N, C-alpha and C. Protein backbone atom coordinates (compact mmCIF):
# COMPACT_ATOMS: atom_id res chain seq x y z
N MET A 1 114.19 195.61 97.85
CA MET A 1 114.96 195.05 97.10
C MET A 1 116.59 195.47 97.17
N PRO A 2 117.58 194.40 96.95
CA PRO A 2 119.03 194.93 97.30
C PRO A 2 118.95 195.81 95.80
N SER A 3 120.21 196.81 96.38
CA SER A 3 120.18 197.86 95.35
C SER A 3 121.26 197.18 94.31
N VAL A 4 121.01 196.48 93.48
CA VAL A 4 121.55 195.98 92.13
C VAL A 4 120.56 196.54 90.93
N SER A 5 121.17 197.04 90.23
CA SER A 5 120.59 197.31 88.85
C SER A 5 120.97 196.70 87.91
N LEU A 6 119.98 196.47 86.61
CA LEU A 6 120.42 195.86 85.44
C LEU A 6 121.84 196.06 84.74
N PRO A 7 122.16 197.49 84.92
CA PRO A 7 123.48 198.20 84.28
C PRO A 7 124.56 197.29 84.93
N GLN A 8 124.45 196.69 86.32
CA GLN A 8 125.50 196.40 86.93
C GLN A 8 125.53 195.10 86.69
N ILE A 9 124.54 194.29 86.80
CA ILE A 9 124.69 193.04 85.93
C ILE A 9 125.16 192.80 84.77
N GLU A 10 124.41 193.56 83.72
CA GLU A 10 124.94 193.75 82.27
C GLU A 10 126.64 193.85 82.28
N HIS A 11 127.08 194.71 83.34
CA HIS A 11 128.59 194.89 83.20
C HIS A 11 129.28 193.64 83.92
N ASP A 12 128.55 193.07 84.85
CA ASP A 12 129.20 191.82 85.57
C ASP A 12 129.10 190.71 84.22
N PHE A 13 128.36 190.69 83.48
CA PHE A 13 128.20 189.21 82.50
C PHE A 13 128.18 190.14 81.12
N PRO A 14 129.30 190.42 80.43
CA PRO A 14 129.53 190.98 79.46
C PRO A 14 129.22 190.33 78.17
N GLU A 15 129.38 188.91 78.53
CA GLU A 15 129.34 187.88 77.36
C GLU A 15 127.78 187.68 77.10
N LEU A 16 126.84 188.11 77.80
CA LEU A 16 125.11 187.90 77.49
C LEU A 16 125.00 189.10 77.29
N GLN A 17 123.53 188.98 76.52
CA GLN A 17 122.92 190.36 76.17
C GLN A 17 121.58 189.85 77.09
N PHE A 18 120.96 191.06 77.64
CA PHE A 18 119.62 191.10 78.09
C PHE A 18 118.53 191.99 77.52
N LYS A 19 117.49 191.23 77.48
CA LYS A 19 116.69 191.97 76.73
C LYS A 19 115.04 191.95 77.61
N GLU A 20 114.49 192.62 77.30
CA GLU A 20 112.92 192.83 77.98
C GLU A 20 112.28 191.62 77.01
N GLY A 21 111.36 190.80 77.84
CA GLY A 21 110.64 189.85 76.90
C GLY A 21 109.34 189.50 77.67
N GLU A 22 108.61 188.36 77.64
CA GLU A 22 107.29 188.38 77.75
C GLU A 22 107.54 187.44 79.16
N VAL A 23 108.62 186.54 79.25
CA VAL A 23 108.86 185.74 80.44
C VAL A 23 110.21 185.86 80.73
N PHE A 24 110.41 185.58 81.70
CA PHE A 24 112.25 185.10 82.41
C PHE A 24 112.61 183.96 81.23
N SER A 25 113.50 184.21 80.61
CA SER A 25 114.25 182.72 79.81
C SER A 25 115.26 182.89 79.53
N TRP A 26 116.28 182.00 78.90
CA TRP A 26 117.76 181.95 78.48
C TRP A 26 117.34 181.26 77.11
N ASN A 27 118.22 182.08 76.03
CA ASN A 27 118.13 181.44 74.80
C ASN A 27 119.70 181.55 74.47
N PRO A 28 120.13 179.99 74.71
CA PRO A 28 121.61 179.55 74.44
C PRO A 28 121.85 179.94 72.86
N ASN A 29 121.31 179.97 71.76
CA ASN A 29 121.63 180.41 70.57
C ASN A 29 122.03 181.95 70.44
N SER A 30 121.35 182.99 71.16
CA SER A 30 121.71 184.13 70.91
C SER A 30 122.40 184.49 71.85
N GLN A 31 122.47 184.03 73.06
CA GLN A 31 123.49 184.28 74.28
C GLN A 31 122.53 185.32 75.05
N THR A 32 121.18 185.16 75.21
CA THR A 32 120.50 186.30 75.32
C THR A 32 119.57 186.09 76.87
N VAL A 33 119.54 186.66 77.81
CA VAL A 33 118.79 186.44 78.75
C VAL A 33 117.61 187.39 78.83
N TYR A 34 116.56 186.53 78.76
CA TYR A 34 115.17 187.66 78.70
C TYR A 34 114.45 187.94 80.07
N TYR A 35 113.97 189.07 80.48
CA TYR A 35 113.27 189.27 81.62
C TYR A 35 112.11 190.11 81.11
N GLU A 36 111.28 189.74 82.05
CA GLU A 36 109.77 190.15 82.21
C GLU A 36 109.74 191.31 82.67
N LYS A 37 110.27 191.61 84.00
CA LYS A 37 110.19 192.83 84.55
C LYS A 37 111.36 192.71 85.82
N LEU A 38 111.74 193.90 86.36
CA LEU A 38 112.71 194.00 87.27
C LEU A 38 112.19 194.79 88.80
N ASP A 39 111.08 194.50 89.26
CA ASP A 39 110.39 195.45 90.27
C ASP A 39 110.45 194.91 91.63
N SER A 40 111.08 193.80 91.84
CA SER A 40 110.88 193.09 92.97
C SER A 40 112.32 192.25 93.27
N GLN A 41 112.41 191.83 94.31
CA GLN A 41 113.41 190.66 94.50
C GLN A 41 113.39 189.24 93.99
N GLU A 42 112.09 189.05 94.02
CA GLU A 42 111.73 187.65 93.37
C GLU A 42 112.25 187.93 91.75
N ASP A 43 111.92 189.14 91.36
CA ASP A 43 112.22 189.18 89.65
C ASP A 43 113.88 188.99 89.74
N LEU A 44 114.31 189.79 90.37
CA LEU A 44 116.03 189.81 90.48
C LEU A 44 116.51 188.28 90.61
N VAL A 45 115.93 187.56 91.66
CA VAL A 45 116.07 186.25 91.92
C VAL A 45 115.67 185.46 90.30
N GLN A 46 114.78 185.42 89.98
CA GLN A 46 114.74 184.76 88.70
C GLN A 46 115.53 185.01 87.37
N LEU A 47 116.11 186.38 87.68
CA LEU A 47 116.93 186.95 86.60
C LEU A 47 118.06 186.05 86.68
N LEU A 48 118.86 185.82 88.03
CA LEU A 48 119.85 185.09 88.54
C LEU A 48 120.05 183.78 88.06
N HIS A 49 118.60 183.28 88.54
CA HIS A 49 118.28 181.58 87.69
C HIS A 49 118.63 181.96 86.07
N GLU A 50 117.92 182.70 85.43
CA GLU A 50 118.53 182.75 83.92
C GLU A 50 119.71 182.90 83.64
N ILE A 51 120.44 183.76 84.40
CA ILE A 51 121.88 183.58 84.19
C ILE A 51 122.80 182.45 84.40
N ALA A 52 122.34 181.72 85.60
CA ALA A 52 122.83 180.52 85.72
C ALA A 52 122.81 179.69 84.64
N HIS A 53 121.70 179.32 84.03
CA HIS A 53 121.50 178.63 83.04
C HIS A 53 122.45 179.08 82.06
N ALA A 54 122.88 180.30 81.57
CA ALA A 54 123.97 180.56 80.65
C ALA A 54 125.67 180.36 81.25
N LYS A 55 125.72 180.37 82.70
CA LYS A 55 126.59 180.07 83.18
C LYS A 55 126.97 178.63 83.09
N LEU A 56 126.20 177.88 83.11
CA LEU A 56 126.42 176.47 83.33
C LEU A 56 126.29 175.83 82.01
N GLY A 57 126.12 176.65 80.86
CA GLY A 57 126.13 176.37 79.22
C GLY A 57 124.95 175.37 79.22
N HIS A 58 123.69 175.56 79.87
CA HIS A 58 122.40 174.66 79.24
C HIS A 58 122.28 175.12 78.11
N LYS A 59 121.88 174.26 77.40
CA LYS A 59 121.60 174.32 75.65
C LYS A 59 120.10 173.51 75.76
N ASN A 60 120.32 172.06 75.18
CA ASN A 60 119.06 171.76 74.78
C ASN A 60 119.24 170.11 75.76
N TYR A 61 118.46 169.43 75.64
CA TYR A 61 118.01 168.17 76.41
C TYR A 61 117.09 167.37 75.66
N GLN A 62 117.20 166.08 75.78
CA GLN A 62 116.57 164.91 74.97
C GLN A 62 115.67 164.70 75.70
N TYR A 63 115.42 164.19 77.01
CA TYR A 63 114.90 163.88 77.99
C TYR A 63 113.97 164.60 78.97
N ASP A 64 112.84 164.62 79.16
CA ASP A 64 112.45 165.55 80.32
C ASP A 64 113.06 165.48 81.52
N ILE A 65 113.33 164.52 81.72
CA ILE A 65 114.13 164.31 82.92
C ILE A 65 115.24 165.18 83.22
N GLN A 66 116.23 165.35 82.15
CA GLN A 66 117.21 166.05 81.98
C GLN A 66 116.76 167.66 82.09
N LEU A 67 115.84 168.04 81.60
CA LEU A 67 115.23 169.55 81.78
C LEU A 67 114.85 169.86 83.22
N ILE A 68 114.37 168.80 84.06
CA ILE A 68 114.22 168.93 85.74
C ILE A 68 115.66 169.16 86.33
N GLU A 69 116.76 168.58 85.87
CA GLU A 69 118.20 168.34 86.46
C GLU A 69 118.68 169.67 86.00
N MET A 70 118.52 170.21 84.58
CA MET A 70 119.15 171.62 84.35
C MET A 70 118.58 172.84 85.30
N GLU A 71 117.08 172.49 85.64
CA GLU A 71 116.23 173.50 86.21
C GLU A 71 116.74 173.58 87.72
N ARG A 72 117.11 172.30 88.42
CA ARG A 72 117.50 172.36 89.50
C ARG A 72 118.95 172.71 89.81
N SER A 73 119.59 172.32 88.71
CA SER A 73 121.02 172.84 88.92
C SER A 73 121.24 174.48 88.82
N ALA A 74 120.39 174.88 88.09
CA ALA A 74 120.38 176.21 87.68
C ALA A 74 119.96 177.17 89.01
N TRP A 75 119.02 176.69 89.83
CA TRP A 75 118.71 176.96 90.71
C TRP A 75 119.59 177.00 92.00
N GLU A 76 120.43 175.98 92.02
CA GLU A 76 121.57 175.80 92.99
C GLU A 76 122.65 176.62 92.54
N TYR A 77 122.93 177.02 91.34
CA TYR A 77 124.13 177.84 90.92
C TYR A 77 123.52 179.26 91.52
N ALA A 78 122.54 179.50 91.39
CA ALA A 78 121.68 180.85 91.35
C ALA A 78 121.85 180.95 93.09
N VAL A 79 121.46 179.87 93.85
CA VAL A 79 121.24 180.05 95.48
C VAL A 79 122.67 180.27 95.92
N ASP A 80 123.65 179.46 95.41
CA ASP A 80 124.83 179.23 95.95
C ASP A 80 126.13 180.39 95.41
N THR A 81 125.90 180.87 94.03
CA THR A 81 127.08 181.59 93.57
C THR A 81 126.78 182.79 93.64
N LEU A 82 125.44 183.00 92.71
CA LEU A 82 125.06 184.31 92.52
C LEU A 82 124.53 185.39 93.51
N ALA A 83 123.57 184.89 93.93
CA ALA A 83 122.87 185.51 95.38
C ALA A 83 123.76 186.06 95.88
N PRO A 84 124.64 185.15 96.60
CA PRO A 84 125.75 186.06 97.33
C PRO A 84 126.55 187.42 96.68
N LYS A 85 126.66 187.19 95.39
CA LYS A 85 127.17 188.40 95.04
C LYS A 85 126.72 189.54 95.23
N TYR A 86 125.35 189.36 95.02
CA TYR A 86 124.41 191.03 95.04
C TYR A 86 123.69 190.92 96.50
N GLY A 87 124.23 190.53 97.26
CA GLY A 87 123.69 190.46 98.49
C GLY A 87 122.02 189.73 99.08
N LEU A 88 122.14 188.71 98.17
CA LEU A 88 121.08 188.14 98.68
C LEU A 88 121.10 186.79 99.27
N THR A 89 120.31 186.23 100.18
CA THR A 89 120.31 185.45 101.01
C THR A 89 119.28 184.14 100.51
N LEU A 90 119.53 183.32 100.03
CA LEU A 90 118.31 182.22 99.28
C LEU A 90 118.83 180.93 99.95
N SER A 91 117.86 180.21 99.57
CA SER A 91 118.01 178.83 99.92
C SER A 91 117.16 178.04 99.10
N MET A 92 117.59 176.75 98.83
CA MET A 92 116.79 176.23 97.75
C MET A 92 115.41 175.68 98.38
N ASP A 93 114.97 175.96 99.89
CA ASP A 93 113.79 175.81 100.31
C ASP A 93 112.82 176.94 100.27
N ASP A 94 113.19 178.14 99.65
CA ASP A 94 112.52 179.25 99.51
C ASP A 94 111.40 178.70 98.52
N ASP A 95 110.14 179.29 99.01
CA ASP A 95 108.65 178.52 98.30
C ASP A 95 108.95 178.97 96.85
N ASN A 96 109.49 180.19 96.56
CA ASN A 96 109.42 180.74 94.99
C ASN A 96 110.47 179.74 94.24
N ILE A 97 111.46 179.16 95.11
CA ILE A 97 112.20 178.43 94.46
C ILE A 97 111.36 176.93 94.07
N GLN A 98 110.87 176.62 95.16
CA GLN A 98 110.23 175.27 94.96
C GLN A 98 108.99 175.49 94.37
N ASP A 99 108.41 176.33 94.19
CA ASP A 99 107.33 176.59 93.32
C ASP A 99 107.62 176.30 91.96
N SER A 100 108.78 176.82 91.48
CA SER A 100 109.14 177.16 90.31
C SER A 100 109.61 175.49 89.63
N LEU A 101 110.44 174.89 90.63
CA LEU A 101 110.82 173.40 90.34
C LEU A 101 109.54 172.69 90.40
N ASP A 102 108.58 173.04 91.11
CA ASP A 102 107.23 171.92 90.90
C ASP A 102 106.63 172.05 89.97
N SER A 103 106.80 173.39 89.35
CA SER A 103 105.77 173.75 88.04
C SER A 103 106.49 172.70 86.76
N TYR A 104 107.71 172.43 86.98
CA TYR A 104 108.21 171.64 85.82
C TYR A 104 108.22 169.92 86.29
N ARG A 105 108.09 169.67 87.68
CA ARG A 105 107.69 168.40 88.18
C ARG A 105 106.33 167.99 87.63
N ASP A 106 105.59 169.20 87.75
CA ASP A 106 104.12 169.00 87.52
C ASP A 106 103.68 168.80 86.11
N TRP A 107 104.64 169.22 85.07
CA TRP A 107 104.63 169.64 83.63
C TRP A 107 105.00 168.18 83.36
N LEU A 108 106.27 167.60 83.72
CA LEU A 108 106.63 166.28 83.47
C LEU A 108 105.89 164.85 83.81
N HIS A 109 105.12 165.17 85.01
CA HIS A 109 104.08 164.36 85.54
C HIS A 109 103.19 164.12 84.45
N LYS A 110 102.40 165.46 84.07
CA LYS A 110 101.23 165.24 83.16
C LYS A 110 101.78 164.76 82.05
N ARG A 111 102.84 165.11 81.50
CA ARG A 111 103.25 164.34 79.74
C ARG A 111 103.54 163.10 80.10
N SER A 112 103.77 162.53 80.99
CA SER A 112 103.92 161.07 81.21
C SER A 112 102.44 160.23 81.44
N LEU A 113 101.34 160.67 81.73
CA LEU A 113 100.45 160.18 82.20
C LEU A 113 99.55 159.46 80.89
N CYS A 114 99.15 158.32 80.74
CA CYS A 114 98.93 157.85 79.62
C CYS A 114 97.48 158.15 79.45
N PRO A 115 97.15 158.70 78.13
CA PRO A 115 95.84 158.99 77.89
C PRO A 115 94.82 158.04 77.56
N GLN A 116 95.12 156.88 77.63
CA GLN A 116 93.98 155.76 77.36
C GLN A 116 93.84 155.27 78.96
N CYS A 117 94.70 154.90 80.01
CA CYS A 117 94.53 154.33 81.12
C CYS A 117 94.87 155.04 82.54
N GLY A 118 95.49 156.16 82.31
CA GLY A 118 96.05 157.04 83.16
C GLY A 118 97.21 156.63 83.86
N ALA A 119 97.88 155.48 83.86
CA ALA A 119 98.90 155.23 84.46
C ALA A 119 100.37 155.90 83.67
N VAL A 120 101.01 156.10 84.57
CA VAL A 120 102.51 156.99 84.21
C VAL A 120 103.46 156.08 83.30
N GLY A 121 103.65 156.66 82.19
CA GLY A 121 104.36 155.83 81.37
C GLY A 121 105.74 156.25 81.25
N LEU A 122 106.84 155.60 80.42
CA LEU A 122 107.86 155.94 80.38
C LEU A 122 108.34 156.64 78.99
N GLN A 123 109.21 157.60 79.32
CA GLN A 123 109.21 158.45 77.85
C GLN A 123 110.38 157.63 76.87
N ALA A 124 110.04 157.64 75.51
CA ALA A 124 110.63 156.77 74.79
C ALA A 124 111.72 157.57 73.48
N THR A 125 111.14 158.58 73.46
CA THR A 125 112.02 159.74 72.68
C THR A 125 111.51 161.05 73.22
N SER A 126 112.30 162.11 72.56
CA SER A 126 112.06 163.45 73.19
C SER A 126 110.57 163.74 72.86
N SER A 127 109.76 163.15 72.07
CA SER A 127 108.36 163.29 72.21
C SER A 127 107.57 162.53 72.02
N SER A 128 107.96 161.30 72.61
CA SER A 128 106.90 160.49 72.76
C SER A 128 107.14 159.62 73.94
N TYR A 129 105.89 159.12 74.62
CA TYR A 129 106.19 158.14 76.04
C TYR A 129 105.34 156.77 75.50
N LYS A 130 105.41 155.75 76.26
CA LYS A 130 104.76 154.44 76.12
C LYS A 130 104.36 153.65 77.73
N CYS A 131 103.21 153.46 77.37
CA CYS A 131 102.62 152.89 78.68
C CYS A 131 103.07 151.36 79.23
N ILE A 132 103.17 151.49 80.17
CA ILE A 132 103.82 150.14 80.63
C ILE A 132 102.58 149.34 81.12
N ASN A 133 101.63 149.93 81.68
CA ASN A 133 100.13 149.08 81.75
C ASN A 133 99.52 148.78 80.62
N CYS A 134 99.02 149.57 79.81
CA CYS A 134 98.10 149.08 78.64
C CYS A 134 99.29 149.05 77.35
N HIS A 135 100.21 149.36 77.01
CA HIS A 135 101.19 149.39 76.23
C HIS A 135 100.84 150.40 74.90
N SER A 136 99.88 151.58 75.47
CA SER A 136 99.71 152.73 74.26
C SER A 136 100.91 153.54 74.58
N GLU A 137 100.91 154.08 73.24
CA GLU A 137 101.83 155.20 72.99
C GLU A 137 101.37 156.33 72.77
N TRP A 138 102.11 157.53 73.08
CA TRP A 138 101.58 158.58 72.90
C TRP A 138 102.85 159.97 72.21
N ARG A 139 102.35 160.91 71.76
CA ARG A 139 103.03 161.88 71.30
C ARG A 139 102.67 163.05 72.24
N VAL A 140 103.58 164.12 72.44
CA VAL A 140 103.47 165.20 73.33
C VAL A 140 104.22 166.33 72.66
N ASN A 141 103.54 167.46 72.94
CA ASN A 141 104.15 168.41 72.31
C ASN A 141 105.56 169.31 73.12
N GLN A 142 105.93 170.22 72.95
CA GLN A 142 107.37 170.97 73.72
C GLN A 142 106.51 171.87 74.70
N ALA A 143 105.28 171.99 74.59
CA ALA A 143 104.77 173.13 75.59
C ALA A 143 105.40 172.98 77.05
N LYS A 144 105.95 174.37 77.67
CA LYS A 144 106.01 174.15 78.69
C LYS A 144 105.43 175.39 79.71
N SER A 145 105.11 176.46 79.07
CA SER A 145 104.18 177.55 79.69
C SER A 145 102.87 177.99 78.96
N CYS A 146 102.51 176.69 77.96
CA CYS A 146 101.07 176.90 77.51
C CYS A 146 100.58 175.56 77.83
N GLN A 147 99.07 175.29 76.96
CA GLN A 147 98.49 173.88 77.09
C GLN A 147 99.67 172.73 76.63
N LEU A 148 99.64 171.89 77.56
CA LEU A 148 100.25 170.55 77.25
C LEU A 148 99.19 169.68 76.79
N LYS A 149 99.61 169.23 75.55
CA LYS A 149 98.62 168.38 74.79
C LYS A 149 99.54 167.02 74.49
N ARG A 150 98.57 165.85 74.77
CA ARG A 150 99.17 164.72 74.26
C ARG A 150 98.43 163.97 73.33
N TYR A 151 98.80 162.97 72.24
CA TYR A 151 98.61 162.73 70.95
C TYR A 151 98.20 161.37 71.36
N GLN A 152 97.63 160.44 71.23
CA GLN A 152 97.50 158.98 71.28
C GLN A 152 98.11 158.46 69.94
N ILE A 153 99.08 157.71 69.58
CA ILE A 153 99.72 157.23 68.60
C ILE A 153 98.78 155.55 68.41
N LYS A 154 98.53 154.63 69.24
CA LYS A 154 98.22 153.41 69.30
C LYS A 154 96.64 153.30 69.94
């Protein structure tokens, strides 16, 4: 792992708070980056990704596709801007980065599947979808890291 320490990162980003947590995440309300552990280069890369969310001003999203765009742009910022600062050579093609993006793509796809006929639907609101095949409507929860649930409306 490159010789970068949490105190150095905290020094480099004094506007942010860093706290150990259950998962790597960014909380824009408290300006806090949570980290699970920092034992490997992959952990450091994930931390830089969360810092990228902060530096890009990522807060809320209304539509799922906006979350995918925020994730992609945070990874690009981490790869292009933050990683070189800490002596890391990263690429958007790295398996860990693509696996992370794939998890969000898979999440979006599962949310969009009609519980009635299985076709891909269109997002109508932040928590509802409509099927263009059978015209069913369903609500979804906001789960990203736990079990996704879909509730048929009609």
